[in-house]
């Protein structure tokens, strides 16, 4: 029984990792980035008294050029453009390394999920998935309400080298202000919750 439960928790963990990996890569796609920047631009004026507000200080042309360089660095690890500072480039190259490791881990999770699927009791996985959904819903709410400390804590974990602090007028912050990341956090968590809920329903049907 302990071995069976351990397998089920490991299986569920792999599924959660696959969900996060798939949605993160989708959110990092250039058209989705552009859409989220547009939404951020529309919402920014309503948040002037908030910690999420960043006063625009660059032109749309500069933003588009710097965004293009950022995406080159995140996806390819290199860029021929030269809008960003050395510190900004260094941070984005660290993000690129995280993307590489995420790709590797998601690939491993897919293989392990396929191998373990016949060993899993679907009904218990469905119940465990619903518990995870509840935890994700609560943490999402906390993350949005207390975004600045949440964002800082996230960067301290994944970027312990400390090269993630930039001034509000820096290109990287102008391109991706706090509100942009709040929107991405909401999309990410909602999409993962929907995927896990669908998987729980599917597992429940298989258990009947």
Protein backbone atom coordinates (compact mmCIF):
# COMPACT_ATOMS: atom_id res chain seq x y z
CA UNK A 1 0.00 0.00 0.00
CA UNK A 2 2.72 2.64 0.79
CA UNK A 3 4.45 1.74 -2.46
CA UNK A 4 1.18 2.12 -4.38
CA UNK A 5 0.46 5.53 -2.84
CA UNK A 6 4.02 6.65 -3.55
CA UNK A 7 3.58 5.66 -7.20
CA UNK A 8 0.28 7.53 -7.39
CA UNK A 9 1.75 10.71 -5.90
CA UNK A 10 4.75 10.47 -8.22
CA UNK A 11 2.44 9.92 -11.20
CA UNK A 12 0.36 12.95 -10.22
CA UNK A 13 3.52 15.03 -9.75
CA UNK A 14 4.61 14.11 -13.29
CA UNK A 15 1.23 15.13 -14.66
CA UNK A 16 1.38 18.47 -12.84
CA UNK A 17 4.87 19.09 -14.22
CA UNK A 18 3.68 18.31 -17.76
CA UNK A 19 0.75 20.73 -17.36
CA UNK A 20 3.00 23.53 -16.11
CA UNK A 21 5.58 22.91 -18.81
CA UNK A 22 3.02 22.93 -21.61
CA UNK A 23 1.32 26.13 -20.42
CA UNK A 24 4.61 27.93 -19.69
CA UNK A 25 5.88 27.25 -23.21
CA UNK A 26 2.55 28.41 -24.63
CA UNK A 27 2.66 31.65 -22.60
CA UNK A 28 6.22 32.30 -23.79
CA UNK A 29 5.21 32.10 -27.47
CA UNK A 30 5.75 35.48 -29.21
CA UNK A 31 2.08 36.03 -30.21
CA UNK A 32 0.92 35.29 -26.65
CA UNK A 33 3.59 37.61 -25.22
CA UNK A 34 2.40 40.37 -27.56
CA UNK A 35 -1.22 39.80 -26.54
CA UNK A 36 -0.37 39.95 -22.84
CA UNK A 37 1.63 43.14 -23.37
CA UNK A 38 -1.39 44.67 -25.09
CA UNK A 39 -3.68 43.65 -22.20
CA UNK A 40 -1.14 45.07 -19.73
CA UNK A 41 -1.06 48.37 -21.63
CA UNK A 42 -4.86 48.62 -21.47
CA UNK A 43 -5.02 47.87 -17.72
CA UNK A 44 -2.03 49.92 -16.52
CA UNK A 45 -3.87 53.28 -16.33
CA UNK A 46 -6.35 51.81 -13.82
CA UNK A 47 -3.55 50.87 -11.41
CA UNK A 48 -1.75 54.18 -10.94
CA UNK A 49 -1.94 53.93 -7.14
CA UNK A 50 -0.83 50.30 -7.10
CA UNK A 51 2.56 48.65 -6.70
CA UNK A 52 1.89 47.05 -10.06
CA UNK A 53 1.96 50.37 -11.92
CA UNK A 54 5.04 51.22 -13.97
CA UNK A 55 5.09 54.57 -15.76
CA UNK A 56 5.77 54.08 -19.49
CA UNK A 57 9.04 55.72 -20.50
CA UNK A 58 9.89 54.15 -23.88
CA UNK A 59 8.34 54.23 -27.32
CA UNK A 60 6.37 51.33 -28.81
CA UNK A 61 9.18 50.80 -31.32
CA UNK A 62 11.74 50.45 -28.54
CA UNK A 63 9.45 48.11 -26.64
CA UNK A 64 8.93 45.89 -29.69
CA UNK A 65 12.67 45.78 -30.44
CA UNK A 66 13.64 44.98 -26.84
CA UNK A 67 10.86 42.38 -26.60
CA UNK A 68 12.15 40.69 -29.75
CA UNK A 69 15.65 40.52 -28.28
CA UNK A 70 14.27 39.16 -25.01
CA UNK A 71 12.43 36.37 -26.81
CA UNK A 72 15.51 35.52 -28.87
CA UNK A 73 17.52 35.15 -25.68
CA UNK A 74 14.87 33.11 -23.85
CA UNK A 75 14.13 30.73 -26.72
CA UNK A 76 17.47 30.57 -28.57
CA UNK A 77 20.03 31.71 -26.01
CA UNK A 78 21.39 34.34 -28.39
CA UNK A 79 20.34 37.45 -30.30
CA UNK A 80 21.76 39.79 -32.93
CA UNK A 81 19.89 42.73 -31.38
CA UNK A 82 21.55 45.06 -28.87
CA UNK A 83 18.82 46.97 -27.03
CA UNK A 84 19.26 45.38 -23.58
CA UNK A 85 22.03 45.97 -21.07
CA UNK A 86 24.57 43.31 -20.11
CA UNK A 87 22.72 42.67 -16.82
CA UNK A 88 19.39 42.23 -18.60
CA UNK A 89 20.94 39.85 -21.12
CA UNK A 90 22.54 37.86 -18.30
CA UNK A 91 19.19 37.44 -16.56
CA UNK A 92 17.42 36.35 -19.74
CA UNK A 93 20.16 33.81 -20.47
CA UNK A 94 19.50 32.38 -17.01
CA UNK A 95 15.83 32.13 -17.97
CA UNK A 96 16.94 30.31 -21.12
CA UNK A 97 18.80 27.76 -18.98
CA UNK A 98 15.66 27.21 -16.90
CA UNK A 99 13.71 26.61 -20.13
CA UNK A 100 16.25 23.97 -21.16
CA UNK A 101 15.97 22.17 -17.82
CA UNK A 102 12.18 22.48 -17.89
CA UNK A 103 12.11 20.88 -21.34
CA UNK A 104 14.26 17.99 -20.09
CA UNK A 105 12.14 17.45 -16.97
CA UNK A 106 8.87 17.61 -18.90
CA UNK A 107 10.20 15.06 -21.37
CA UNK A 108 11.16 12.73 -18.51
CA UNK A 109 7.74 13.27 -16.91
CA UNK A 110 5.97 12.28 -20.13
CA UNK A 111 7.96 9.03 -20.35
CA UNK A 112 7.40 8.18 -16.69
CA UNK A 113 3.68 8.95 -16.97
CA UNK A 114 3.33 6.51 -19.85
CA UNK A 115 5.30 3.83 -17.98
CA UNK A 116 3.37 4.23 -14.71
CA UNK A 117 -0.15 4.63 -16.07
CA UNK A 118 -1.02 0.90 -15.83
CA UNK A 119 0.09 0.84 -12.17
CA UNK A 120 -2.22 3.63 -11.08
CA UNK A 121 -5.62 3.39 -9.39
CA UNK A 122 -7.59 6.04 -11.27
CA UNK A 123 -10.11 6.83 -8.54
CA UNK A 124 -7.47 7.82 -6.01
CA UNK A 125 -5.58 9.88 -8.59
CA UNK A 126 -8.84 11.72 -9.36
CA UNK A 127 -9.34 12.56 -5.68
CA UNK A 128 -5.71 13.61 -5.27
CA UNK A 129 -6.00 15.82 -8.37
CA UNK A 130 -8.97 17.65 -6.86
CA UNK A 131 -7.02 18.27 -3.66
CA UNK A 132 -4.15 19.69 -5.71
CA UNK A 133 -6.61 21.92 -7.57
CA UNK A 134 -7.81 23.35 -4.25
CA UNK A 135 -4.22 24.04 -3.15
CA UNK A 136 -3.42 25.70 -6.49
CA UNK A 137 -6.53 27.87 -6.28
CA UNK A 138 -5.57 29.11 -2.80
CA UNK A 139 -1.92 29.74 -3.72
CA UNK A 140 -3.00 31.55 -6.89
CA UNK A 141 -5.20 33.89 -4.88
CA UNK A 142 -2.38 34.55 -2.41
CA UNK A 143 0.09 35.10 -5.26
CA UNK A 144 -2.13 37.70 -6.96
CA UNK A 145 -3.09 39.54 -3.75
CA UNK A 146 0.49 39.61 -2.41
CA UNK A 147 2.28 39.67 -5.74
CA UNK A 148 5.45 41.70 -4.93
CA UNK A 149 6.69 39.37 -2.12
CA UNK A 150 5.50 36.33 -4.10
CA UNK A 151 7.47 37.50 -7.16
CA UNK A 152 10.54 38.28 -5.05
CA UNK A 153 10.43 34.87 -3.38
CA UNK A 154 10.08 33.14 -6.75
CA UNK A 155 13.18 34.90 -8.08
CA UNK A 156 15.20 34.16 -4.97
CA UNK A 157 14.51 30.45 -5.47
CA UNK A 158 15.17 30.24 -9.22
CA UNK A 159 17.75 33.02 -9.56
CA UNK A 160 19.85 32.84 -6.37
CA UNK A 161 22.67 34.65 -8.19
CA UNK A 162 20.57 37.80 -7.66
CA UNK A 163 20.69 39.28 -11.17
CA UNK A 164 16.97 39.97 -11.38
CA UNK A 165 16.54 43.47 -9.90
CA UNK A 166 16.11 46.30 -12.39
CA UNK A 167 14.94 49.90 -12.21
CA UNK A 168 11.40 50.80 -13.39
CA UNK A 169 12.92 52.64 -16.38
CA UNK A 170 14.97 49.68 -17.57
CA UNK A 171 13.90 48.14 -20.86
CA UNK A 172 13.21 44.73 -19.36
CA UNK A 173 10.76 46.21 -16.82
CA UNK A 174 9.19 48.51 -19.40
CA UNK A 175 8.60 45.51 -21.66
CA UNK A 176 7.46 43.20 -18.85
CA UNK A 177 6.05 45.24 -15.94
CA UNK A 178 4.64 43.60 -12.79
CA UNK A 179 1.09 43.62 -14.16
CA UNK A 180 2.29 41.58 -17.15
CA UNK A 181 3.48 38.87 -14.75
CA UNK A 182 0.28 39.01 -12.71
CA UNK A 183 -1.68 38.33 -15.90
CA UNK A 184 0.65 35.46 -16.78
CA UNK A 185 0.31 34.00 -13.29
CA UNK A 186 -3.48 34.06 -13.62
CA UNK A 187 -3.41 32.46 -17.10
CA UNK A 188 -0.91 29.85 -15.95
CA UNK A 189 -2.72 28.79 -12.81
CA UNK A 190 -6.17 28.81 -14.41
CA UNK A 191 -4.96 26.73 -17.36
CA UNK A 192 -3.22 24.19 -15.10
CA UNK A 193 -6.31 23.93 -12.89
CA UNK A 194 -8.50 23.32 -15.96
CA UNK A 195 -6.13 20.62 -17.26
CA UNK A 196 -5.98 18.88 -13.88
CA UNK A 197 -9.76 19.06 -13.53
CA UNK A 198 -10.17 17.49 -16.97
CA UNK A 199 -7.68 14.76 -16.03
CA UNK A 200 -9.54 14.12 -12.77
CA UNK A 201 -12.84 13.72 -14.64
CA UNK A 202 -11.18 11.37 -17.13
CA UNK A 203 -9.64 9.29 -14.33
CA UNK A 204 -12.99 9.14 -12.55
CA UNK A 205 -14.68 7.78 -15.66
CA UNK A 206 -12.01 5.11 -16.03
CA UNK A 207 -12.54 4.09 -12.41
CA UNK A 208 -16.29 3.52 -12.84
